[in-house]
Amino acid sequence: MAGLGGYNGWRWIFIIEGLATIVVSVIGFFTIADWPEEARFLSEDEKALIASRIAADNAHGTARMDTLDRPALKRIFSDWKIWCGYVLSL
């Protein structure tokens, strides 16, 4: 594809990979279930089990996934695992 459309071959690799990522993410946005109650592939027993585990996590106050407020940011930036991942990625 070198020279096609005025772009080098290596640019076409990035363009094709980027387009594939966009297509997969749009499909995933509409097909991945957000919560166990919405998952069609789980049985009722599995949905109940997952819901009870989420409720148990929420009882400790650490499993909130729907807000990004000051306390959540404080937990994120004070987590040593995040800092280790950041340092190791440098």
PDB file of N, CA and C in Angstrom:
ATOM      1  N   MET A   1       0.817  -1.195   0.000  1.00  0.00           N
ATOM      2  CA  MET A   1       0.000   0.000   0.000  1.00  0.00           C
ATOM      3  C   MET A   1       0.862   1.261   0.000  1.00  0.00           C
ATOM      4  N   ALA A   2       2.158   1.084  -0.096  1.00  0.00           N
ATOM      5  CA  ALA A   2       3.036   2.241  -0.096  1.00  0.00           C
ATOM      6  C   ALA A   2       2.693   3.156  -1.260  1.00  0.00           C
ATOM      7  N   GLY A   3       2.482   4.407  -0.970  1.00  0.00           N
ATOM      8  CA  GLY A   3       2.179   5.381  -2.003  1.00  0.00           C
ATOM      9  C   GLY A   3       0.693   5.539  -2.273  1.00  0.00           C
ATOM     10  N   LEU A   4      -0.135   4.630  -1.808  1.00  0.00           N
ATOM     11  CA  LEU A   4      -1.573   4.720  -2.029  1.00  0.00           C
ATOM     12  C   LEU A   4      -2.149   5.885  -1.230  1.00  0.00           C
ATOM     13  N   GLY A   5      -2.819   6.775  -1.889  1.00  0.00           N
ATOM     14  CA  GLY A   5      -3.394   7.938  -1.219  1.00  0.00           C
ATOM     15  C   GLY A   5      -2.354   8.925  -0.736  1.00  0.00           C
ATOM     16  N   GLY A   6      -1.130   8.788  -1.179  1.00  0.00           N
ATOM     17  CA  GLY A   6      -0.072   9.694  -0.758  1.00  0.00           C
ATOM     18  C   GLY A   6       0.526   9.355   0.594  1.00  0.00           C
ATOM     19  N   TYR A   7       0.179   8.184   1.147  1.00  0.00           N
ATOM     20  CA  TYR A   7       0.706   7.788   2.456  1.00  0.00           C
ATOM     21  C   TYR A   7       1.685   6.636   2.303  1.00  0.00           C
ATOM     22  N   ASN A   8       2.665   6.600   3.201  1.00  0.00           N
ATOM     23  CA  ASN A   8       3.599   5.482   3.250  1.00  0.00           C
ATOM     24  C   ASN A   8       2.907   4.252   3.826  1.00  0.00           C
ATOM     25  N   GLY A   9       3.526   3.098   3.630  1.00  0.00           N
ATOM     26  CA  GLY A   9       2.948   1.855   4.125  1.00  0.00           C
ATOM     27  C   GLY A   9       2.770   1.827   5.627  1.00  0.00           C
ATOM     28  N   TRP A  10       3.734   2.359   6.383  1.00  0.00           N
ATOM     29  CA  TRP A  10       3.636   2.338   7.831  1.00  0.00           C
ATOM     30  C   TRP A  10       2.476   3.192   8.321  1.00  0.00           C
ATOM     31  N   ARG A  11       2.125   4.249   7.604  1.00  0.00           N
ATOM     32  CA  ARG A  11       0.971   5.059   8.000  1.00  0.00           C
ATOM     33  C   ARG A  11      -0.322   4.287   7.800  1.00  0.00           C
ATOM     34  N   TRP A  12      -0.389   3.493   6.723  1.00  0.00           N
ATOM     35  CA  TRP A  12      -1.578   2.703   6.478  1.00  0.00           C
ATOM     36  C   TRP A  12      -1.791   1.673   7.579  1.00  0.00           C
ATOM     37  N   ILE A  13      -0.704   1.135   8.134  1.00  0.00           N
ATOM     38  CA  ILE A  13      -0.838   0.191   9.245  1.00  0.00           C
ATOM     39  C   ILE A  13      -1.547   0.862  10.408  1.00  0.00           C
ATOM     40  N   PHE A  14      -1.136   2.082  10.764  1.00  0.00           N
ATOM     41  CA  PHE A  14      -1.766   2.796  11.869  1.00  0.00           C
ATOM     42  C   PHE A  14      -3.210   3.160  11.549  1.00  0.00           C
ATOM     43  N   ILE A  15      -3.484   3.547  10.332  1.00  0.00           N
ATOM     44  CA  ILE A  15      -4.851   3.903   9.943  1.00  0.00           C
ATOM     45  C   ILE A  15      -5.760   2.683  10.033  1.00  0.00           C
ATOM     46  N   ILE A  16      -5.321   1.544   9.506  1.00  0.00           N
ATOM     47  CA  ILE A  16      -6.142   0.339   9.537  1.00  0.00           C
ATOM     48  C   ILE A  16      -6.345  -0.150  10.966  1.00  0.00           C
ATOM     49  N   GLU A  17      -5.288  -0.136  11.769  1.00  0.00           N
ATOM     50  CA  GLU A  17      -5.422  -0.553  13.167  1.00  0.00           C
ATOM     51  C   GLU A  17      -6.357   0.383  13.930  1.00  0.00           C
ATOM     52  N   GLY A  18      -6.262   1.666  13.665  1.00  0.00           N
ATOM     53  CA  GLY A  18      -7.145   2.624  14.327  1.00  0.00           C
ATOM     54  C   GLY A  18      -8.601   2.426  13.947  1.00  0.00           C
ATOM     55  N   LEU A  19      -8.850   2.196  12.659  1.00  0.00           N
ATOM     56  CA  LEU A  19     -10.222   1.956  12.217  1.00  0.00           C
ATOM     57  C   LEU A  19     -10.786   0.672  12.818  1.00  0.00           C
ATOM     58  N   ALA A  20      -9.955  -0.367  12.887  1.00  0.00           N
ATOM     59  CA  ALA A  20     -10.406  -1.627  13.490  1.00  0.00           C
ATOM     60  C   ALA A  20     -10.745  -1.428  14.964  1.00  0.00           C
ATOM     61  N   THR A  21      -9.946  -0.650  15.664  1.00  0.00           N
ATOM     62  CA  THR A  21     -10.211  -0.371  17.073  1.00  0.00           C
ATOM     63  C   THR A  21     -11.522   0.375  17.244  1.00  0.00           C
ATOM     64  N   ILE A  22     -11.779   1.341  16.400  1.00  0.00           N
ATOM     65  CA  ILE A  22     -13.028   2.107  16.483  1.00  0.00           C
ATOM     66  C   ILE A  22     -14.227   1.199  16.237  1.00  0.00           C
ATOM     67  N   VAL A  23     -14.152   0.346  15.228  1.00  0.00           N
ATOM     68  CA  VAL A  23     -15.263  -0.554  14.915  1.00  0.00           C
ATOM     69  C   VAL A  23     -15.535  -1.508  16.078  1.00  0.00           C
ATOM     70  N   VAL A  24     -14.481  -2.106  16.630  1.00  0.00           N
ATOM     71  CA  VAL A  24     -14.648  -3.039  17.742  1.00  0.00           C
ATOM     72  C   VAL A  24     -15.198  -2.322  18.971  1.00  0.00           C
ATOM     73  N   SER A  25     -14.751  -1.105  19.246  1.00  0.00           N
ATOM     74  CA  SER A  25     -15.240  -0.392  20.422  1.00  0.00           C
ATOM     75  C   SER A  25     -16.706   0.004  20.286  1.00  0.00           C
ATOM     76  N   VAL A  26     -17.142   0.368  19.098  1.00  0.00           N
ATOM     77  CA  VAL A  26     -18.556   0.704  18.898  1.00  0.00           C
ATOM     78  C   VAL A  26     -19.420  -0.545  19.072  1.00  0.00           C
ATOM     79  N   ILE A  27     -18.984  -1.660  18.514  1.00  0.00           N
ATOM     80  CA  ILE A  27     -19.726  -2.914  18.691  1.00  0.00           C
ATOM     81  C   ILE A  27     -19.763  -3.298  20.169  1.00  0.00           C
ATOM     82  N   GLY A  28     -18.630  -3.188  20.851  1.00  0.00           N
ATOM     83  CA  GLY A  28     -18.562  -3.523  22.267  1.00  0.00           C
ATOM     84  C   GLY A  28     -19.428  -2.631  23.127  1.00  0.00           C
ATOM     85  N   PHE A  29     -19.516  -1.362  22.774  1.00  0.00           N
ATOM     86  CA  PHE A  29     -20.335  -0.425  23.547  1.00  0.00           C
ATOM     87  C   PHE A  29     -21.792  -0.871  23.583  1.00  0.00           C
ATOM     88  N   PHE A  30     -22.274  -1.418  22.491  1.00  0.00           N
ATOM     89  CA  PHE A  30     -23.669  -1.812  22.428  1.00  0.00           C
ATOM     90  C   PHE A  30     -23.921  -3.262  22.835  1.00  0.00           C
ATOM     91  N   THR A  31     -22.875  -4.081  22.959  1.00  0.00           N
ATOM     92  CA  THR A  31     -23.089  -5.493  23.270  1.00  0.00           C
ATOM     93  C   THR A  31     -22.636  -5.915  24.659  1.00  0.00           C
ATOM     94  N   ILE A  32     -21.724  -5.202  25.288  1.00  0.00           N
ATOM     95  CA  ILE A  32     -21.231  -5.594  26.606  1.00  0.00           C
ATOM     96  C   ILE A  32     -22.199  -5.107  27.670  1.00  0.00           C
ATOM     97  N   ALA A  33     -22.619  -6.015  28.538  1.00  0.00           N
ATOM     98  CA  ALA A  33     -23.581  -5.683  29.597  1.00  0.00           C
ATOM     99  C   ALA A  33     -22.871  -4.900  30.697  1.00  0.00           C
ATOM    100  N   ASP A  34     -23.525  -3.846  31.180  1.00  0.00           N
ATOM    101  CA  ASP A  34     -22.954  -3.041  32.249  1.00  0.00           C
ATOM    102  C   ASP A  34     -23.120  -3.709  33.618  1.00  0.00           C
ATOM    103  N   TRP A  35     -24.245  -4.342  33.833  1.00  0.00           N
ATOM    104  CA  TRP A  35     -24.556  -4.936  35.127  1.00  0.00           C
ATOM    105  C   TRP A  35     -25.056  -6.354  34.913  1.00  0.00           C
ATOM    106  N   PRO A  36     -24.952  -7.215  35.921  1.00  0.00           N
ATOM    107  CA  PRO A  36     -25.364  -8.615  35.767  1.00  0.00           C
ATOM    108  C   PRO A  36     -26.840  -8.763  35.376  1.00  0.00           C
ATOM    109  N   GLU A  37     -27.687  -7.844  35.828  1.00  0.00           N
ATOM    110  CA  GLU A  37     -29.105  -7.948  35.506  1.00  0.00           C
ATOM    111  C   GLU A  37     -29.356  -7.818  34.006  1.00  0.00           C
ATOM    112  N   GLU A  38     -28.450  -7.170  33.301  1.00  0.00           N
ATOM    113  CA  GLU A  38     -28.609  -6.944  31.868  1.00  0.00           C
ATOM    114  C   GLU A  38     -27.959  -8.038  31.017  1.00  0.00           C
ATOM    115  N   ALA A  39     -27.192  -8.921  31.621  1.00  0.00           N
ATOM    116  CA  ALA A  39     -26.470  -9.956  30.874  1.00  0.00           C
ATOM    117  C   ALA A  39     -27.421 -11.084  30.491  1.00  0.00           C
ATOM    118  N   ARG A  40     -27.558 -11.319  29.205  1.00  0.00           N
ATOM    119  CA  ARG A  40     -28.455 -12.370  28.726  1.00  0.00           C
ATOM    120  C   ARG A  40     -27.819 -13.745  28.805  1.00  0.00           C
ATOM    121  N   PHE A  41     -26.504 -13.820  28.917  1.00  0.00           N
ATOM    122  CA  PHE A  41     -25.813 -15.110  28.908  1.00  0.00           C
ATOM    123  C   PHE A  41     -25.692 -15.730  30.297  1.00  0.00           C
ATOM    124  N   LEU A  42     -26.110 -15.017  31.351  1.00  0.00           N
ATOM    125  CA  LEU A  42     -26.054 -15.552  32.704  1.00  0.00           C
ATOM    126  C   LEU A  42     -27.399 -16.160  33.088  1.00  0.00           C
ATOM    127  N   SER A  43     -27.348 -17.237  33.867  1.00  0.00           N
ATOM    128  CA  SER A  43     -28.584 -17.806  34.390  1.00  0.00           C
ATOM    129  C   SER A  43     -29.052 -16.954  35.563  1.00  0.00           C
ATOM    130  N   GLU A  44     -30.272 -17.202  36.018  1.00  0.00           N
ATOM    131  CA  GLU A  44     -30.805 -16.432  37.149  1.00  0.00           C
ATOM    132  C   GLU A  44     -29.988 -16.676  38.415  1.00  0.00           C
ATOM    133  N   ASP A  45     -29.517 -17.905  38.622  1.00  0.00           N
ATOM    134  CA  ASP A  45     -28.682 -18.209  39.794  1.00  0.00           C
ATOM    135  C   ASP A  45     -27.361 -17.444  39.739  1.00  0.00           C
ATOM    136  N   GLU A  46     -26.754 -17.386  38.563  1.00  0.00           N
ATOM    137  CA  GLU A  46     -25.493 -16.658  38.412  1.00  0.00           C
ATOM    138  C   GLU A  46     -25.695 -15.163  38.620  1.00  0.00           C
ATOM    139  N   LYS A  47     -26.784 -14.632  38.114  1.00  0.00           N
ATOM    140  CA  LYS A  47     -27.088 -13.207  38.326  1.00  0.00           C
ATOM    141  C   LYS A  47     -27.272 -12.905  39.800  1.00  0.00           C
ATOM    142  N   ALA A  48     -27.976 -13.804  40.521  1.00  0.00           N
ATOM    143  CA  ALA A  48     -28.185 -13.605  41.958  1.00  0.00           C
ATOM    144  C   ALA A  48     -26.866 -13.679  42.715  1.00  0.00           C
ATOM    145  N   LEU A  49     -25.996 -14.613  42.335  1.00  0.00           N
ATOM    146  CA  LEU A  49     -24.693 -14.742  42.994  1.00  0.00           C
ATOM    147  C   LEU A  49     -23.851 -13.481  42.800  1.00  0.00           C
ATOM    148  N   ILE A  50     -23.799 -12.994  41.578  1.00  0.00           N
ATOM    149  CA  ILE A  50     -23.011 -11.792  41.296  1.00  0.00           C
ATOM    150  C   ILE A  50     -23.595 -10.583  42.004  1.00  0.00           C
ATOM    151  N   ALA A  51     -24.921 -10.476  42.021  1.00  0.00           N
ATOM    152  CA  ALA A  51     -25.566  -9.349  42.710  1.00  0.00           C
ATOM    153  C   ALA A  51     -25.267  -9.383  44.201  1.00  0.00           C
ATOM    154  N   SER A  52     -25.242 -10.578  44.807  1.00  0.00           N
ATOM    155  CA  SER A  52     -24.922 -10.664  46.237  1.00  0.00           C
ATOM    156  C   SER A  52     -23.467 -10.288  46.503  1.00  0.00           C
ATOM    157  N   ARG A  53     -22.567 -10.658  45.586  1.00  0.00           N
ATOM    158  CA  ARG A  53     -21.156 -10.283  45.761  1.00  0.00           C
ATOM    159  C   ARG A  53     -20.963  -8.777  45.620  1.00  0.00           C
ATOM    160  N   ILE A  54     -21.664  -8.172  44.687  1.00  0.00           N
ATOM    161  CA  ILE A  54     -21.585  -6.715  44.534  1.00  0.00           C
ATOM    162  C   ILE A  54     -22.132  -6.027  45.778  1.00  0.00           C
ATOM    163  N   ALA A  55     -23.249  -6.541  46.309  1.00  0.00           N
ATOM    164  CA  ALA A  55     -23.829  -5.962  47.522  1.00  0.00           C
ATOM    165  C   ALA A  55     -22.859  -6.087  48.693  1.00  0.00           C
ATOM    166  N   ALA A  56     -22.173  -7.227  48.799  1.00  0.00           N
ATOM    167  CA  ALA A  56     -21.193  -7.404  49.876  1.00  0.00           C
ATOM    168  C   ALA A  56     -20.031  -6.433  49.721  1.00  0.00           C
ATOM    169  N   ASP A  57     -19.586  -6.210  48.500  1.00  0.00           N
ATOM    170  CA  ASP A  57     -18.516  -5.240  48.272  1.00  0.00           C
ATOM    171  C   ASP A  57     -18.973  -3.827  48.615  1.00  0.00           C
ATOM    172  N   ASN A  58     -20.201  -3.492  48.255  1.00  0.00           N
ATOM    173  CA  ASN A  58     -20.723  -2.157  48.543  1.00  0.00           C
ATOM    174  C   ASN A  58     -20.921  -1.937  50.030  1.00  0.00           C
ATOM    175  N   ALA A  59     -21.123  -3.013  50.786  1.00  0.00           N
ATOM    176  CA  ALA A  59     -21.272  -2.884  52.237  1.00  0.00           C
ATOM    177  C   ALA A  59     -19.993  -2.352  52.863  1.00  0.00           C
ATOM    178  N   HIS A  60     -18.852  -2.645  52.233  1.00  0.00           N
ATOM    179  CA  HIS A  60     -17.573  -2.142  52.730  1.00  0.00           C
ATOM    180  C   HIS A  60     -17.281  -0.746  52.204  1.00  0.00           C
ATOM    181  N   GLY A  61     -18.055  -0.297  51.239  1.00  0.00           N
ATOM    182  CA  GLY A  61     -17.900   1.052  50.709  1.00  0.00           C
ATOM    183  C   GLY A  61     -16.763   1.223  49.725  1.00  0.00           C
ATOM    184  N   THR A  62     -16.247   0.131  49.156  1.00  0.00           N
ATOM    185  CA  THR A  62     -15.092   0.264  48.278  1.00  0.00           C
ATOM    186  C   THR A  62     -15.371  -0.073  46.822  1.00  0.00           C
ATOM    187  N   ALA A  63     -16.578  -0.502  46.488  1.00  0.00           N
ATOM    188  CA  ALA A  63     -16.823  -0.991  45.135  1.00  0.00           C
ATOM    189  C   ALA A  63     -17.722  -0.069  44.325  1.00  0.00           C
ATOM    190  N   ARG A  64     -17.743   1.205  44.613  1.00  0.00           N
ATOM    191  CA  ARG A  64     -18.562   2.140  43.836  1.00  0.00           C
ATOM    192  C   ARG A  64     -17.883   2.391  42.503  1.00  0.00           C
ATOM    193  N   MET A  65     -18.641   2.215  41.427  1.00  0.00           N
ATOM    194  CA  MET A  65     -18.074   2.390  40.101  1.00  0.00           C
ATOM    195  C   MET A  65     -18.775   3.488  39.319  1.00  0.00           C
ATOM    196  N   ASP A  66     -19.727   4.174  39.938  1.00  0.00           N
ATOM    197  CA  ASP A  66     -20.544   5.095  39.171  1.00  0.00           C
ATOM    198  C   ASP A  66     -20.275   6.568  39.465  1.00  0.00           C
ATOM    199  N   THR A  67     -19.345   6.860  40.350  1.00  0.00           N
ATOM    200  CA  THR A  67     -19.043   8.262  40.643  1.00  0.00           C
ATOM    201  C   THR A  67     -17.537   8.494  40.622  1.00  0.00           C
ATOM    202  N   LEU A  68     -17.170   9.674  40.200  1.00  0.00           N
ATOM    203  CA  LEU A  68     -15.773  10.094  40.261  1.00  0.00           C
ATOM    204  C   LEU A  68     -15.758  11.432  40.987  1.00  0.00           C
ATOM    205  N   ASP A  69     -15.683  11.345  42.299  1.00  0.00           N
ATOM    206  CA  ASP A  69     -15.696  12.546  43.118  1.00  0.00           C
ATOM    207  C   ASP A  69     -14.367  12.665  43.863  1.00  0.00           C
ATOM    208  N   ARG A  70     -14.288  13.624  44.750  1.00  0.00           N
ATOM    209  CA  ARG A  70     -13.040  13.874  45.479  1.00  0.00           C
ATOM    210  C   ARG A  70     -12.562  12.661  46.286  1.00  0.00           C
ATOM    211  N   PRO A  71     -13.444  11.979  47.044  1.00  0.00           N
ATOM    212  CA  PRO A  71     -12.962  10.789  47.767  1.00  0.00           C
ATOM    213  C   PRO A  71     -12.475   9.680  46.828  1.00  0.00           C
ATOM    214  N   ALA A  72     -13.143   9.516  45.692  1.00  0.00           N
ATOM    215  CA  ALA A  72     -12.694   8.498  44.740  1.00  0.00           C
ATOM    216  C   ALA A  72     -11.323   8.855  44.177  1.00  0.00           C
ATOM    217  N   LEU A  73     -11.120  10.112  43.837  1.00  0.00           N
ATOM    218  CA  LEU A  73      -9.808  10.541  43.337  1.00  0.00           C
ATOM    219  C   LEU A  73      -8.726  10.354  44.392  1.00  0.00           C
ATOM    220  N   LYS A  74      -9.083  10.626  45.650  1.00  0.00           N
ATOM    221  CA  LYS A  74      -8.118  10.434  46.732  1.00  0.00           C
ATOM    222  C   LYS A  74      -7.713   8.961  46.833  1.00  0.00           C
ATOM    223  N   ARG A  75      -8.703   8.046  46.728  1.00  0.00           N
ATOM    224  CA  ARG A  75      -8.387   6.612  46.771  1.00  0.00           C
ATOM    225  C   ARG A  75      -7.535   6.205  45.578  1.00  0.00           C
ATOM    226  N   ILE A  76      -7.843   6.752  44.419  1.00  0.00           N
ATOM    227  CA  ILE A  76      -7.098   6.393  43.206  1.00  0.00           C
ATOM    228  C   ILE A  76      -5.643   6.826  43.328  1.00  0.00           C
ATOM    229  N   PHE A  77      -5.421   8.088  43.704  1.00  0.00           N
ATOM    230  CA  PHE A  77      -4.058   8.609  43.730  1.00  0.00           C
ATOM    231  C   PHE A  77      -3.263   8.158  44.949  1.00  0.00           C
ATOM    232  N   SER A  78      -3.930   7.585  45.951  1.00  0.00           N
ATOM    233  CA  SER A  78      -3.184   7.082  47.106  1.00  0.00           C
ATOM    234  C   SER A  78      -2.953   5.573  47.020  1.00  0.00           C
ATOM    235  N   ASP A  79      -3.394   4.936  45.951  1.00  0.00           N
ATOM    236  CA  ASP A  79      -3.211   3.492  45.778  1.00  0.00           C
ATOM    237  C   ASP A  79      -1.800   3.210  45.268  1.00  0.00           C
ATOM    238  N   TRP A  80      -1.046   2.451  46.033  1.00  0.00           N
ATOM    239  CA  TRP A  80       0.351   2.187  45.674  1.00  0.00           C
ATOM    240  C   TRP A  80       0.474   1.384  44.383  1.00  0.00           C
ATOM    241  N   LYS A  81      -0.539   0.546  44.084  1.00  0.00           N
ATOM    242  CA  LYS A  81      -0.475  -0.277  42.868  1.00  0.00           C
ATOM    243  C   LYS A  81      -0.532   0.592  41.612  1.00  0.00           C
ATOM    244  N   ILE A  82      -1.288   1.662  41.664  1.00  0.00           N
ATOM    245  CA  ILE A  82      -1.360   2.574  40.523  1.00  0.00           C
ATOM    246  C   ILE A  82      -0.017   3.256  40.330  1.00  0.00           C
ATOM    247  N   TRP A  83       0.612   3.694  41.405  1.00  0.00           N
ATOM    248  CA  TRP A  83       1.914   4.352  41.302  1.00  0.00           C
ATOM    249  C   TRP A  83       2.976   3.388  40.802  1.00  0.00           C
ATOM    250  N   CYS A  84       2.950   2.132  41.256  1.00  0.00           N
ATOM    251  CA  CYS A  84       3.915   1.153  40.765  1.00  0.00           C
ATOM    252  C   CYS A  84       3.718   0.902  39.274  1.00  0.00           C
ATOM    253  N   GLY A  85       2.483   0.793  38.847  1.00  0.00           N
ATOM    254  CA  GLY A  85       2.215   0.606  37.428  1.00  0.00           C
ATOM    255  C   GLY A  85       2.683   1.784  36.602  1.00  0.00           C
ATOM    256  N   TYR A  86       2.505   2.986  37.137  1.00  0.00           N
ATOM    257  CA  TYR A  86       2.937   4.193  36.428  1.00  0.00           C
ATOM    258  C   TYR A  86       4.454   4.222  36.318  1.00  0.00           C
ATOM    259  N   VAL A  87       5.141   3.960  37.420  1.00  0.00           N
ATOM    260  CA  VAL A  87       6.603   4.007  37.422  1.00  0.00           C
ATOM    261  C   VAL A  87       7.174   2.933  36.502  1.00  0.00           C
ATOM    262  N   LEU A  88       6.595   1.736  36.527  1.00  0.00           N
ATOM    263  CA  LEU A  88       7.109   0.658  35.690  1.00  0.00           C
ATOM    264  C   LEU A  88       6.825   0.882  34.218  1.00  0.00           C
ATOM    265  N   SER A  89       5.838   1.724  33.898  1.00  0.00           N
ATOM    266  CA  SER A  89       5.531   1.978  32.493  1.00  0.00           C
ATOM    267  C   SER A  89       6.443   3.039  31.881  1.00  0.00           C
ATOM    268  N   LEU A  90       7.193   3.729  32.714  1.00  0.00           N
ATOM    269  CA  LEU A  90       8.077   4.772  32.199  1.00  0.00           C
ATOM    270  C   LEU A  90       9.281   4.232  31.499  1.00  0.00           C
TER     271      LEU A  90
END
